[in-house]
Amino acid sequence: MDADRLWITPIVRMEILYSARTTTEYTSVETELDGFRTLRNDRAVADAAMSAMSELAEHSDGYHRVPLTDALIAAAAAEHGGVAVLHRDTHFDKLAEVLTFENVTLPSS
């Protein structure tokens, strides 16, 4: 984060904050997340996510069924160009078929 190279989307921020179990934990996590730059999550991103799902639906029945949050994250990265998505989720591999973003699968822990 010191190099200003890590970004977050509003939907990821909400997902992370949702997992906080106490007010103290919420405040602590929120403070940490404030160190990230935020990718916009506007109408263009939503349109790109919907378009990606439509393209995936053309592959085969049910192929478009990816979590909406994952589609929005990938679309935001694609809209910003050159932004990598670091993940351990195969849905991003599928989304990389129809959106242009750097898809980086992290090793299992």
PDB file of N, CA and C in Angstrom:
ATOM      1  N   MET A   1       0.818  -1.188   0.000  1.00  0.00           N
ATOM      2  CA  MET A   1       0.000   0.000   0.000  1.00  0.00           C
ATOM      3  C   MET A   1       0.864   1.254   0.000  1.00  0.00           C
ATOM      4  N   ASP A   2       2.078   1.153   0.523  1.00  0.00           N
ATOM      5  CA  ASP A   2       2.959   2.307   0.552  1.00  0.00           C
ATOM      6  C   ASP A   2       3.263   2.809  -0.849  1.00  0.00           C
ATOM      7  N   ALA A   3       3.322   1.919  -1.811  1.00  0.00           N
ATOM      8  CA  ALA A   3       3.640   2.298  -3.183  1.00  0.00           C
ATOM      9  C   ALA A   3       2.398   2.770  -3.948  1.00  0.00           C
ATOM     10  N   ASP A   4       1.243   2.808  -3.271  1.00  0.00           N
ATOM     11  CA  ASP A   4       0.007   3.272  -3.898  1.00  0.00           C
ATOM     12  C   ASP A   4      -0.366   2.399  -5.098  1.00  0.00           C
ATOM     13  N   ARG A   5      -0.075   1.102  -4.980  1.00  0.00           N
ATOM     14  CA  ARG A   5      -0.306   0.197  -6.106  1.00  0.00           C
ATOM     15  C   ARG A   5      -1.507  -0.711  -5.908  1.00  0.00           C
ATOM     16  N   LEU A   6      -2.075  -0.740  -4.711  1.00  0.00           N
ATOM     17  CA  LEU A   6      -3.214  -1.614  -4.451  1.00  0.00           C
ATOM     18  C   LEU A   6      -4.511  -0.815  -4.501  1.00  0.00           C
ATOM     19  N   TRP A   7      -5.475  -1.378  -5.200  1.00  0.00           N
ATOM     20  CA  TRP A   7      -6.769  -0.734  -5.377  1.00  0.00           C
ATOM     21  C   TRP A   7      -7.853  -1.636  -4.803  1.00  0.00           C
ATOM     22  N   ILE A   8      -9.005  -1.074  -4.573  1.00  0.00           N
ATOM     23  CA  ILE A   8     -10.149  -1.834  -4.090  1.00  0.00           C
ATOM     24  C   ILE A   8     -11.395  -1.257  -4.749  1.00  0.00           C
ATOM     25  N   THR A   9     -12.394  -2.084  -4.925  1.00  0.00           N
ATOM     26  CA  THR A   9     -13.665  -1.589  -5.444  1.00  0.00           C
ATOM     27  C   THR A   9     -14.618  -1.406  -4.257  1.00  0.00           C
ATOM     28  N   PRO A  10     -15.617  -0.560  -4.411  1.00  0.00           N
ATOM     29  CA  PRO A  10     -16.572  -0.375  -3.317  1.00  0.00           C
ATOM     30  C   PRO A  10     -17.241  -1.688  -2.892  1.00  0.00           C
ATOM     31  N   ILE A  11     -17.539  -2.554  -3.850  1.00  0.00           N
ATOM     32  CA  ILE A  11     -18.208  -3.815  -3.512  1.00  0.00           C
ATOM     33  C   ILE A  11     -17.293  -4.729  -2.692  1.00  0.00           C
ATOM     34  N   VAL A  12     -16.009  -4.740  -2.987  1.00  0.00           N
ATOM     35  CA  VAL A  12     -15.058  -5.536  -2.195  1.00  0.00           C
ATOM     36  C   VAL A  12     -14.958  -4.952  -0.791  1.00  0.00           C
ATOM     37  N   ARG A  13     -14.884  -3.639  -0.712  1.00  0.00           N
ATOM     38  CA  ARG A  13     -14.824  -2.974   0.594  1.00  0.00           C
ATOM     39  C   ARG A  13     -16.028  -3.384   1.445  1.00  0.00           C
ATOM     40  N   MET A  14     -17.219  -3.358   0.846  1.00  0.00           N
ATOM     41  CA  MET A  14     -18.423  -3.744   1.587  1.00  0.00           C
ATOM     42  C   MET A  14     -18.374  -5.203   2.025  1.00  0.00           C
ATOM     43  N   GLU A  15     -17.901  -6.083   1.134  1.00  0.00           N
ATOM     44  CA  GLU A  15     -17.804  -7.502   1.492  1.00  0.00           C
ATOM     45  C   GLU A  15     -16.858  -7.718   2.671  1.00  0.00           C
ATOM     46  N   ILE A  16     -15.731  -7.034   2.647  1.00  0.00           N
ATOM     47  CA  ILE A  16     -14.759  -7.179   3.730  1.00  0.00           C
ATOM     48  C   ILE A  16     -15.330  -6.620   5.031  1.00  0.00           C
ATOM     49  N   LEU A  17     -15.930  -5.447   4.975  1.00  0.00           N
ATOM     50  CA  LEU A  17     -16.495  -4.850   6.187  1.00  0.00           C
ATOM     51  C   LEU A  17     -17.666  -5.673   6.725  1.00  0.00           C
ATOM     52  N   TYR A  18     -18.412  -6.305   5.857  1.00  0.00           N
ATOM     53  CA  TYR A  18     -19.530  -7.156   6.278  1.00  0.00           C
ATOM     54  C   TYR A  18     -19.059  -8.275   7.200  1.00  0.00           C
ATOM     55  N   SER A  19     -17.840  -8.748   6.978  1.00  0.00           N
ATOM     56  CA  SER A  19     -17.340  -9.884   7.772  1.00  0.00           C
ATOM     57  C   SER A  19     -16.897  -9.481   9.175  1.00  0.00           C
ATOM     58  N   ALA A  20     -16.792  -8.191   9.471  1.00  0.00           N
ATOM     59  CA  ALA A  20     -16.406  -7.751  10.823  1.00  0.00           C
ATOM     60  C   ALA A  20     -17.482  -8.177  11.816  1.00  0.00           C
ATOM     61  N   ARG A  21     -17.069  -8.705  12.945  1.00  0.00           N
ATOM     62  CA  ARG A  21     -18.017  -9.230  13.935  1.00  0.00           C
ATOM     63  C   ARG A  21     -18.338  -8.238  15.056  1.00  0.00           C
ATOM     64  N   THR A  22     -17.494  -7.245  15.246  1.00  0.00           N
ATOM     65  CA  THR A  22     -17.718  -6.273  16.318  1.00  0.00           C
ATOM     66  C   THR A  22     -17.494  -4.861  15.777  1.00  0.00           C
ATOM     67  N   THR A  23     -17.949  -3.880  16.536  1.00  0.00           N
ATOM     68  CA  THR A  23     -17.730  -2.483  16.157  1.00  0.00           C
ATOM     69  C   THR A  23     -16.246  -2.167  16.118  1.00  0.00           C
ATOM     70  N   THR A  24     -15.511  -2.673  17.092  1.00  0.00           N
ATOM     71  CA  THR A  24     -14.072  -2.441  17.144  1.00  0.00           C
ATOM     72  C   THR A  24     -13.381  -3.032  15.923  1.00  0.00           C
ATOM     73  N   GLU A  25     -13.747  -4.258  15.571  1.00  0.00           N
ATOM     74  CA  GLU A  25     -13.161  -4.898  14.398  1.00  0.00           C
ATOM     75  C   GLU A  25     -13.533  -4.133  13.135  1.00  0.00           C
ATOM     76  N   TYR A  26     -14.772  -3.705  13.032  1.00  0.00           N
ATOM     77  CA  TYR A  26     -15.228  -2.946  11.866  1.00  0.00           C
ATOM     78  C   TYR A  26     -14.384  -1.680  11.695  1.00  0.00           C
ATOM     79  N   THR A  27     -14.217  -0.948  12.777  1.00  0.00           N
ATOM     80  CA  THR A  27     -13.445   0.294  12.738  1.00  0.00           C
ATOM     81  C   THR A  27     -11.997   0.028  12.356  1.00  0.00           C
ATOM     82  N   SER A  28     -11.414  -1.028  12.899  1.00  0.00           N
ATOM     83  CA  SER A  28     -10.029  -1.383  12.592  1.00  0.00           C
ATOM     84  C   SER A  28      -9.862  -1.742  11.119  1.00  0.00           C
ATOM     85  N   VAL A  29     -10.750  -2.573  10.611  1.00  0.00           N
ATOM     86  CA  VAL A  29     -10.685  -2.992   9.205  1.00  0.00           C
ATOM     87  C   VAL A  29     -10.934  -1.789   8.294  1.00  0.00           C
ATOM     88  N   GLU A  30     -11.891  -0.958   8.653  1.00  0.00           N
ATOM     89  CA  GLU A  30     -12.195   0.220   7.840  1.00  0.00           C
ATOM     90  C   GLU A  30     -10.969   1.129   7.735  1.00  0.00           C
ATOM     91  N   THR A  31     -10.253   1.286   8.825  1.00  0.00           N
ATOM     92  CA  THR A  31      -9.043   2.103   8.822  1.00  0.00           C
ATOM     93  C   THR A  31      -7.993   1.510   7.887  1.00  0.00           C
ATOM     94  N   GLU A  32      -7.825   0.188   7.924  1.00  0.00           N
ATOM     95  CA  GLU A  32      -6.879  -0.463   7.015  1.00  0.00           C
ATOM     96  C   GLU A  32      -7.289  -0.270   5.557  1.00  0.00           C
ATOM     97  N   LEU A  33      -8.568  -0.417   5.273  1.00  0.00           N
ATOM     98  CA  LEU A  33      -9.057  -0.294   3.899  1.00  0.00           C
ATOM     99  C   LEU A  33      -8.919   1.130   3.366  1.00  0.00           C
ATOM    100  N   ASP A  34      -8.898   2.099   4.256  1.00  0.00           N
ATOM    101  CA  ASP A  34      -8.726   3.489   3.826  1.00  0.00           C
ATOM    102  C   ASP A  34      -7.378   3.707   3.135  1.00  0.00           C
ATOM    103  N   GLY A  35      -6.440   2.777   3.312  1.00  0.00           N
ATOM    104  CA  GLY A  35      -5.139   2.888   2.673  1.00  0.00           C
ATOM    105  C   GLY A  35      -5.139   2.501   1.203  1.00  0.00           C
ATOM    106  N   PHE A  36      -6.200   1.888   0.742  1.00  0.00           N
ATOM    107  CA  PHE A  36      -6.308   1.484  -0.660  1.00  0.00           C
ATOM    108  C   PHE A  36      -6.881   2.614  -1.505  1.00  0.00           C
ATOM    109  N   ARG A  37      -6.450   2.685  -2.748  1.00  0.00           N
ATOM    110  CA  ARG A  37      -7.112   3.558  -3.716  1.00  0.00           C
ATOM    111  C   ARG A  37      -8.388   2.851  -4.148  1.00  0.00           C
ATOM    112  N   THR A  38      -9.383   3.607  -4.553  1.00  0.00           N
ATOM    113  CA  THR A  38     -10.680   3.031  -4.907  1.00  0.00           C
ATOM    114  C   THR A  38     -10.941   3.156  -6.402  1.00  0.00           C
ATOM    115  N   LEU A  39     -11.251   2.017  -7.025  1.00  0.00           N
ATOM    116  CA  LEU A  39     -11.681   2.022  -8.423  1.00  0.00           C
ATOM    117  C   LEU A  39     -13.141   2.456  -8.458  1.00  0.00           C
ATOM    118  N   ARG A  40     -13.490   3.245  -9.422  1.00  0.00           N
ATOM    119  CA  ARG A  40     -14.883   3.678  -9.494  1.00  0.00           C
ATOM    120  C   ARG A  40     -15.781   2.490  -9.834  1.00  0.00           C
ATOM    121  N   ASN A  41     -16.986   2.597  -9.387  1.00  0.00           N
ATOM    122  CA  ASN A  41     -17.977   1.565  -9.654  1.00  0.00           C
ATOM    123  C   ASN A  41     -19.232   2.287 -10.140  1.00  0.00           C
ATOM    124  N   ASP A  42     -19.190   2.717 -11.392  1.00  0.00           N
ATOM    125  CA  ASP A  42     -20.257   3.544 -11.934  1.00  0.00           C
ATOM    126  C   ASP A  42     -21.077   2.782 -12.969  1.00  0.00           C
ATOM    127  N   ARG A  43     -21.885   3.503 -13.701  1.00  0.00           N
ATOM    128  CA  ARG A  43     -22.764   2.892 -14.705  1.00  0.00           C
ATOM    129  C   ARG A  43     -21.965   2.162 -15.780  1.00  0.00           C
ATOM    130  N   ALA A  44     -20.823   2.716 -16.184  1.00  0.00           N
ATOM    131  CA  ALA A  44     -20.000   2.059 -17.203  1.00  0.00           C
ATOM    132  C   ALA A  44     -19.515   0.699 -16.707  1.00  0.00           C
ATOM    133  N   VAL A  45     -19.156   0.615 -15.442  1.00  0.00           N
ATOM    134  CA  VAL A  45     -18.709  -0.653 -14.868  1.00  0.00           C
ATOM    135  C   VAL A  45     -19.873  -1.645 -14.815  1.00  0.00           C
ATOM    136  N   ALA A  46     -21.038  -1.186 -14.384  1.00  0.00           N
ATOM    137  CA  ALA A  46     -22.210  -2.064 -14.345  1.00  0.00           C
ATOM    138  C   ALA A  46     -22.570  -2.551 -15.746  1.00  0.00           C
ATOM    139  N   ASP A  47     -22.501  -1.662 -16.733  1.00  0.00           N
ATOM    140  CA  ASP A  47     -22.790  -2.056 -18.115  1.00  0.00           C
ATOM    141  C   ASP A  47     -21.786  -3.093 -18.612  1.00  0.00           C
ATOM    142  N   ALA A  48     -20.512  -2.907 -18.273  1.00  0.00           N
ATOM    143  CA  ALA A  48     -19.482  -3.870 -18.686  1.00  0.00           C
ATOM    144  C   ALA A  48     -19.717  -5.225 -18.026  1.00  0.00           C
ATOM    145  N   ALA A  49     -20.118  -5.226 -16.772  1.00  0.00           N
ATOM    146  CA  ALA A  49     -20.398  -6.489 -16.075  1.00  0.00           C
ATOM    147  C   ALA A  49     -21.586  -7.209 -16.718  1.00  0.00           C
ATOM    148  N   MET A  50     -22.634  -6.461 -17.046  1.00  0.00           N
ATOM    149  CA  MET A  50     -23.803  -7.069 -17.694  1.00  0.00           C
ATOM    150  C   MET A  50     -23.450  -7.611 -19.070  1.00  0.00           C
ATOM    151  N   SER A  51     -22.624  -6.881 -19.804  1.00  0.00           N
ATOM    152  CA  SER A  51     -22.195  -7.332 -21.122  1.00  0.00           C
ATOM    153  C   SER A  51     -21.370  -8.619 -21.011  1.00  0.00           C
ATOM    154  N   ALA A  52     -20.491  -8.665 -20.013  1.00  0.00           N
ATOM    155  CA  ALA A  52     -19.664  -9.865 -19.806  1.00  0.00           C
ATOM    156  C   ALA A  52     -20.542 -11.074 -19.514  1.00  0.00           C
ATOM    157  N   MET A  53     -21.531 -10.890 -18.654  1.00  0.00           N
ATOM    158  CA  MET A  53     -22.419 -12.011 -18.339  1.00  0.00           C
ATOM    159  C   MET A  53     -23.183 -12.460 -19.579  1.00  0.00           C
ATOM    160  N   SER A  54     -23.588 -11.520 -20.396  1.00  0.00           N
ATOM    161  CA  SER A  54     -24.294 -11.849 -21.632  1.00  0.00           C
ATOM    162  C   SER A  54     -23.400 -12.662 -22.569  1.00  0.00           C
ATOM    163  N   GLU A  55     -22.144 -12.232 -22.693  1.00  0.00           N
ATOM    164  CA  GLU A  55     -21.203 -12.971 -23.544  1.00  0.00           C
ATOM    165  C   GLU A  55     -20.955 -14.375 -23.002  1.00  0.00           C
ATOM    166  N   LEU A  56     -20.848 -14.502 -21.691  1.00  0.00           N
ATOM    167  CA  LEU A  56     -20.642 -15.826 -21.103  1.00  0.00           C
ATOM    168  C   LEU A  56     -21.857 -16.722 -21.346  1.00  0.00           C
ATOM    169  N   ALA A  57     -23.053 -16.140 -21.316  1.00  0.00           N
ATOM    170  CA  ALA A  57     -24.284 -16.915 -21.536  1.00  0.00           C
ATOM    171  C   ALA A  57     -24.322 -17.536 -22.925  1.00  0.00           C
ATOM    172  N   GLU A  58     -23.624 -16.919 -23.870  1.00  0.00           N
ATOM    173  CA  GLU A  58     -23.588 -17.446 -25.234  1.00  0.00           C
ATOM    174  C   GLU A  58     -22.764 -18.729 -25.340  1.00  0.00           C
ATOM    175  N   HIS A  59     -21.897 -19.001 -24.364  1.00  0.00           N
ATOM    176  CA  HIS A  59     -21.050 -20.206 -24.399  1.00  0.00           C
ATOM    177  C   HIS A  59     -21.879 -21.474 -24.245  1.00  0.00           C
ATOM    178  N   SER A  60     -22.670 -21.522 -23.186  1.00  0.00           N
ATOM    179  CA  SER A  60     -23.497 -22.700 -22.928  1.00  0.00           C
ATOM    180  C   SER A  60     -24.449 -22.378 -21.784  1.00  0.00           C
ATOM    181  N   ASP A  61     -25.440 -23.241 -21.602  1.00  0.00           N
ATOM    182  CA  ASP A  61     -26.411 -23.034 -20.531  1.00  0.00           C
ATOM    183  C   ASP A  61     -25.705 -22.934 -19.180  1.00  0.00           C
ATOM    184  N   GLY A  62     -26.012 -21.884 -18.458  1.00  0.00           N
ATOM    185  CA  GLY A  62     -25.491 -21.711 -17.108  1.00  0.00           C
ATOM    186  C   GLY A  62     -24.070 -21.182 -17.000  1.00  0.00           C
ATOM    187  N   TYR A  63     -23.368 -21.031 -18.132  1.00  0.00           N
ATOM    188  CA  TYR A  63     -21.964 -20.593 -18.093  1.00  0.00           C
ATOM    189  C   TYR A  63     -21.840 -19.168 -17.544  1.00  0.00           C
ATOM    190  N   HIS A  64     -22.898 -18.407 -17.647  1.00  0.00           N
ATOM    191  CA  HIS A  64     -22.905 -17.012 -17.184  1.00  0.00           C
ATOM    192  C   HIS A  64     -23.056 -16.882 -15.669  1.00  0.00           C
ATOM    193  N   ARG A  65     -23.277 -17.984 -14.989  1.00  0.00           N
ATOM    194  CA  ARG A  65     -23.585 -17.928 -13.560  1.00  0.00           C
ATOM    195  C   ARG A  65     -22.316 -17.734 -12.731  1.00  0.00           C
ATOM    196  N   VAL A  66     -21.913 -16.486 -12.634  1.00  0.00           N
ATOM    197  CA  VAL A  66     -20.802 -16.084 -11.773  1.00  0.00           C
ATOM    198  C   VAL A  66     -21.371 -15.122 -10.735  1.00  0.00           C
ATOM    199  N   PRO A  67     -20.760 -15.034  -9.564  1.00  0.00           N
ATOM    200  CA  PRO A  67     -21.269 -14.085  -8.571  1.00  0.00           C
ATOM    201  C   PRO A  67     -21.254 -12.658  -9.126  1.00  0.00           C
ATOM    202  N   LEU A  68     -22.303 -11.938  -8.866  1.00  0.00           N
ATOM    203  CA  LEU A  68     -22.407 -10.567  -9.369  1.00  0.00           C
ATOM    204  C   LEU A  68     -21.255  -9.701  -8.867  1.00  0.00           C
ATOM    205  N   THR A  69     -20.827  -9.918  -7.647  1.00  0.00           N
ATOM    206  CA  THR A  69     -19.709  -9.131  -7.120  1.00  0.00           C
ATOM    207  C   THR A  69     -18.447  -9.391  -7.930  1.00  0.00           C
ATOM    208  N   ASP A  70     -18.208 -10.643  -8.302  1.00  0.00           N
ATOM    209  CA  ASP A  70     -17.018 -10.968  -9.103  1.00  0.00           C
ATOM    210  C   ASP A  70     -17.088 -10.295 -10.470  1.00  0.00           C
ATOM    211  N   ALA A  71     -18.276 -10.289 -11.072  1.00  0.00           N
ATOM    212  CA  ALA A  71     -18.439  -9.647 -12.376  1.00  0.00           C
ATOM    213  C   ALA A  71     -18.168  -8.148 -12.270  1.00  0.00           C
ATOM    214  N   LEU A  72     -18.642  -7.509 -11.211  1.00  0.00           N
ATOM    215  CA  LEU A  72     -18.406  -6.072 -11.033  1.00  0.00           C
ATOM    216  C   LEU A  72     -16.939  -5.768 -10.776  1.00  0.00           C
ATOM    217  N   ILE A  73     -16.265  -6.617 -10.006  1.00  0.00           N
ATOM    218  CA  ILE A  73     -14.840  -6.423  -9.731  1.00  0.00           C
ATOM    219  C   ILE A  73     -14.040  -6.528 -11.029  1.00  0.00           C
ATOM    220  N   ALA A  74     -14.292  -7.587 -11.797  1.00  0.00           N
ATOM    221  CA  ALA A  74     -13.565  -7.788 -13.057  1.00  0.00           C
ATOM    222  C   ALA A  74     -13.864  -6.658 -14.034  1.00  0.00           C
ATOM    223  N   ALA A  75     -15.118  -6.227 -14.098  1.00  0.00           N
ATOM    224  CA  ALA A  75     -15.487  -5.148 -15.009  1.00  0.00           C
ATOM    225  C   ALA A  75     -14.808  -3.839 -14.608  1.00  0.00           C
ATOM    226  N   ALA A  76     -14.731  -3.575 -13.317  1.00  0.00           N
ATOM    227  CA  ALA A  76     -14.059  -2.356 -12.851  1.00  0.00           C
ATOM    228  C   ALA A  76     -12.587  -2.395 -13.241  1.00  0.00           C
ATOM    229  N   ALA A  77     -11.946  -3.547 -13.061  1.00  0.00           N
ATOM    230  CA  ALA A  77     -10.537  -3.687 -13.442  1.00  0.00           C
ATOM    231  C   ALA A  77     -10.368  -3.489 -14.946  1.00  0.00           C
ATOM    232  N   ALA A  78     -11.280  -4.072 -15.721  1.00  0.00           N
ATOM    233  CA  ALA A  78     -11.198  -3.934 -17.176  1.00  0.00           C
ATOM    234  C   ALA A  78     -11.399  -2.473 -17.594  1.00  0.00           C
ATOM    235  N   GLU A  79     -12.327  -1.789 -16.964  1.00  0.00           N
ATOM    236  CA  GLU A  79     -12.596  -0.389 -17.304  1.00  0.00           C
ATOM    237  C   GLU A  79     -11.386   0.498 -17.010  1.00  0.00           C
ATOM    238  N   HIS A  80     -10.613   0.134 -16.010  1.00  0.00           N
ATOM    239  CA  HIS A  80      -9.458   0.945 -15.627  1.00  0.00           C
ATOM    240  C   HIS A  80      -8.188   0.529 -16.356  1.00  0.00           C
ATOM    241  N   GLY A  81      -8.223  -0.568 -17.104  1.00  0.00           N
ATOM    242  CA  GLY A  81      -7.075  -1.020 -17.884  1.00  0.00           C
ATOM    243  C   GLY A  81      -5.770  -1.086 -17.116  1.00  0.00           C
ATOM    244  N   GLY A  82      -5.090  -2.177 -17.241  1.00  0.00           N
ATOM    245  CA  GLY A  82      -3.799  -2.332 -16.587  1.00  0.00           C
ATOM    246  C   GLY A  82      -3.893  -2.658 -15.110  1.00  0.00           C
ATOM    247  N   VAL A  83      -5.092  -2.812 -14.591  1.00  0.00           N
ATOM    248  CA  VAL A  83      -5.269  -3.148 -13.186  1.00  0.00           C
ATOM    249  C   VAL A  83      -5.465  -4.658 -13.083  1.00  0.00           C
ATOM    250  N   ALA A  84      -4.638  -5.290 -12.279  1.00  0.00           N
ATOM    251  CA  ALA A  84      -4.726  -6.744 -12.120  1.00  0.00           C
ATOM    252  C   ALA A  84      -5.734  -7.104 -11.039  1.00  0.00           C
ATOM    253  N   VAL A  85      -6.378  -8.243 -11.212  1.00  0.00           N
ATOM    254  CA  VAL A  85      -7.236  -8.803 -10.177  1.00  0.00           C
ATOM    255  C   VAL A  85      -6.472  -9.978  -9.566  1.00  0.00           C
ATOM    256  N   LEU A  86      -6.130  -9.845  -8.287  1.00  0.00           N
ATOM    257  CA  LEU A  86      -5.449 -10.917  -7.557  1.00  0.00           C
ATOM    258  C   LEU A  86      -6.527 -11.728  -6.858  1.00  0.00           C
ATOM    259  N   HIS A  87      -6.526 -13.038  -7.067  1.00  0.00           N
ATOM    260  CA  HIS A  87      -7.649 -13.835  -6.545  1.00  0.00           C
ATOM    261  C   HIS A  87      -7.278 -15.299  -6.351  1.00  0.00           C
ATOM    262  N   ARG A  88      -8.200 -15.995  -5.716  1.00  0.00           N
ATOM    263  CA  ARG A  88      -8.169 -17.455  -5.605  1.00  0.00           C
ATOM    264  C   ARG A  88      -9.544 -18.001  -5.994  1.00  0.00           C
ATOM    265  N   ASP A  89     -10.117 -17.465  -7.038  1.00  0.00           N
ATOM    266  CA  ASP A  89     -11.501 -17.742  -7.403  1.00  0.00           C
ATOM    267  C   ASP A  89     -11.589 -18.013  -8.902  1.00  0.00           C
ATOM    268  N   THR A  90     -12.033 -19.196  -9.275  1.00  0.00           N
ATOM    269  CA  THR A  90     -12.089 -19.582 -10.684  1.00  0.00           C
ATOM    270  C   THR A  90     -13.074 -18.752 -11.504  1.00  0.00           C
ATOM    271  N   HIS A  91     -13.993 -18.055 -10.841  1.00  0.00           N
ATOM    272  CA  HIS A  91     -14.921 -17.210 -11.589  1.00  0.00           C
ATOM    273  C   HIS A  91     -14.179 -16.120 -12.363  1.00  0.00           C
ATOM    274  N   PHE A  92     -13.062 -15.646 -11.811  1.00  0.00           N
ATOM    275  CA  PHE A  92     -12.307 -14.611 -12.510  1.00  0.00           C
ATOM    276  C   PHE A  92     -11.639 -15.169 -13.763  1.00  0.00           C
ATOM    277  N   ASP A  93     -11.280 -16.445 -13.741  1.00  0.00           N
ATOM    278  CA  ASP A  93     -10.727 -17.067 -14.947  1.00  0.00           C
ATOM    279  C   ASP A  93     -11.770 -17.041 -16.064  1.00  0.00           C
ATOM    280  N   LYS A  94     -12.993 -17.340 -15.717  1.00  0.00           N
ATOM    281  CA  LYS A  94     -14.084 -17.327 -16.694  1.00  0.00           C
ATOM    282  C   LYS A  94     -14.337 -15.898 -17.189  1.00  0.00           C
ATOM    283  N   LEU A  95     -14.369 -14.938 -16.275  1.00  0.00           N
ATOM    284  CA  LEU A  95     -14.613 -13.548 -16.661  1.00  0.00           C
ATOM    285  C   LEU A  95     -13.500 -12.987 -17.536  1.00  0.00           C
ATOM    286  N   ALA A  96     -12.278 -13.498 -17.352  1.00  0.00           N
ATOM    287  CA  ALA A  96     -11.143 -13.043 -18.171  1.00  0.00           C
ATOM    288  C   ALA A  96     -11.304 -13.473 -19.632  1.00  0.00           C
ATOM    289  N   GLU A  97     -12.199 -14.418 -19.884  1.00  0.00           N
ATOM    290  CA  GLU A  97     -12.471 -14.826 -21.260  1.00  0.00           C
ATOM    291  C   GLU A  97     -13.180 -13.715 -22.043  1.00  0.00           C
ATOM    292  N   VAL A  98     -13.921 -12.857 -21.337  1.00  0.00           N
ATOM    293  CA  VAL A  98     -14.738 -11.857 -22.030  1.00  0.00           C
ATOM    294  C   VAL A  98     -14.436 -10.413 -21.608  1.00  0.00           C
ATOM    295  N   LEU A  99     -13.618 -10.225 -20.582  1.00  0.00           N
ATOM    296  CA  LEU A  99     -13.210  -8.887 -20.150  1.00  0.00           C
ATOM    297  C   LEU A  99     -11.684  -8.801 -20.205  1.00  0.00           C
ATOM    298  N   THR A 100     -11.178  -7.629 -20.479  1.00  0.00           N
ATOM    299  CA  THR A 100      -9.730  -7.447 -20.581  1.00  0.00           C
ATOM    300  C   THR A 100      -9.190  -6.875 -19.280  1.00  0.00           C
ATOM    301  N   PHE A 101      -8.629  -7.746 -18.448  1.00  0.00           N
ATOM    302  CA  PHE A 101      -7.962  -7.341 -17.220  1.00  0.00           C
ATOM    303  C   PHE A 101      -6.860  -8.349 -16.949  1.00  0.00           C
ATOM    304  N   GLU A 102      -5.866  -7.942 -16.183  1.00  0.00           N
ATOM    305  CA  GLU A 102      -4.808  -8.874 -15.833  1.00  0.00           C
ATOM    306  C   GLU A 102      -5.331  -9.808 -14.758  1.00  0.00           C
ATOM    307  N   ASN A 103      -5.366 -11.083 -15.064  1.00  0.00           N
ATOM    308  CA  ASN A 103      -5.954 -12.117 -14.220  1.00  0.00           C
ATOM    309  C   ASN A 103      -4.824 -12.860 -13.512  1.00  0.00           C
ATOM    310  N   VAL A 104      -4.670 -12.643 -12.207  1.00  0.00           N
ATOM    311  CA  VAL A 104      -3.566 -13.243 -11.452  1.00  0.00           C
ATOM    312  C   VAL A 104      -4.133 -14.156 -10.362  1.00  0.00           C
ATOM    313  N   THR A 105      -3.974 -15.453 -10.574  1.00  0.00           N
ATOM    314  CA  THR A 105      -4.429 -16.415  -9.585  1.00  0.00           C
ATOM    315  C   THR A 105      -3.343 -16.575  -8.519  1.00  0.00           C
ATOM    316  N   LEU A 106      -3.702 -16.308  -7.281  1.00  0.00           N
ATOM    317  CA  LEU A 106      -2.759 -16.443  -6.170  1.00  0.00           C
ATOM    318  C   LEU A 106      -2.626 -17.909  -5.777  1.00  0.00           C
ATOM    319  N   PRO A 107      -1.451 -18.315  -5.322  1.00  0.00           N
ATOM    320  CA  PRO A 107      -1.299 -19.704  -4.873  1.00  0.00           C
ATOM    321  C   PRO A 107      -2.134 -19.947  -3.619  1.00  0.00           C
ATOM    322  N   SER A 108      -2.544 -21.187  -3.460  1.00  0.00           N
ATOM    323  CA  SER A 108      -3.303 -21.557  -2.247  1.00  0.00           C
ATOM    324  C   SER A 108      -2.428 -21.405  -1.029  1.00  0.00           C
ATOM    325  N   SER A 109      -3.066 -21.069   0.075  1.00  0.00           N
ATOM    326  CA  SER A 109      -2.280 -20.895   1.306  1.00  0.00           C
ATOM    327  C   SER A 109      -2.170 -22.187   2.069  1.00  0.00           C
TER     328      SER A 109
END
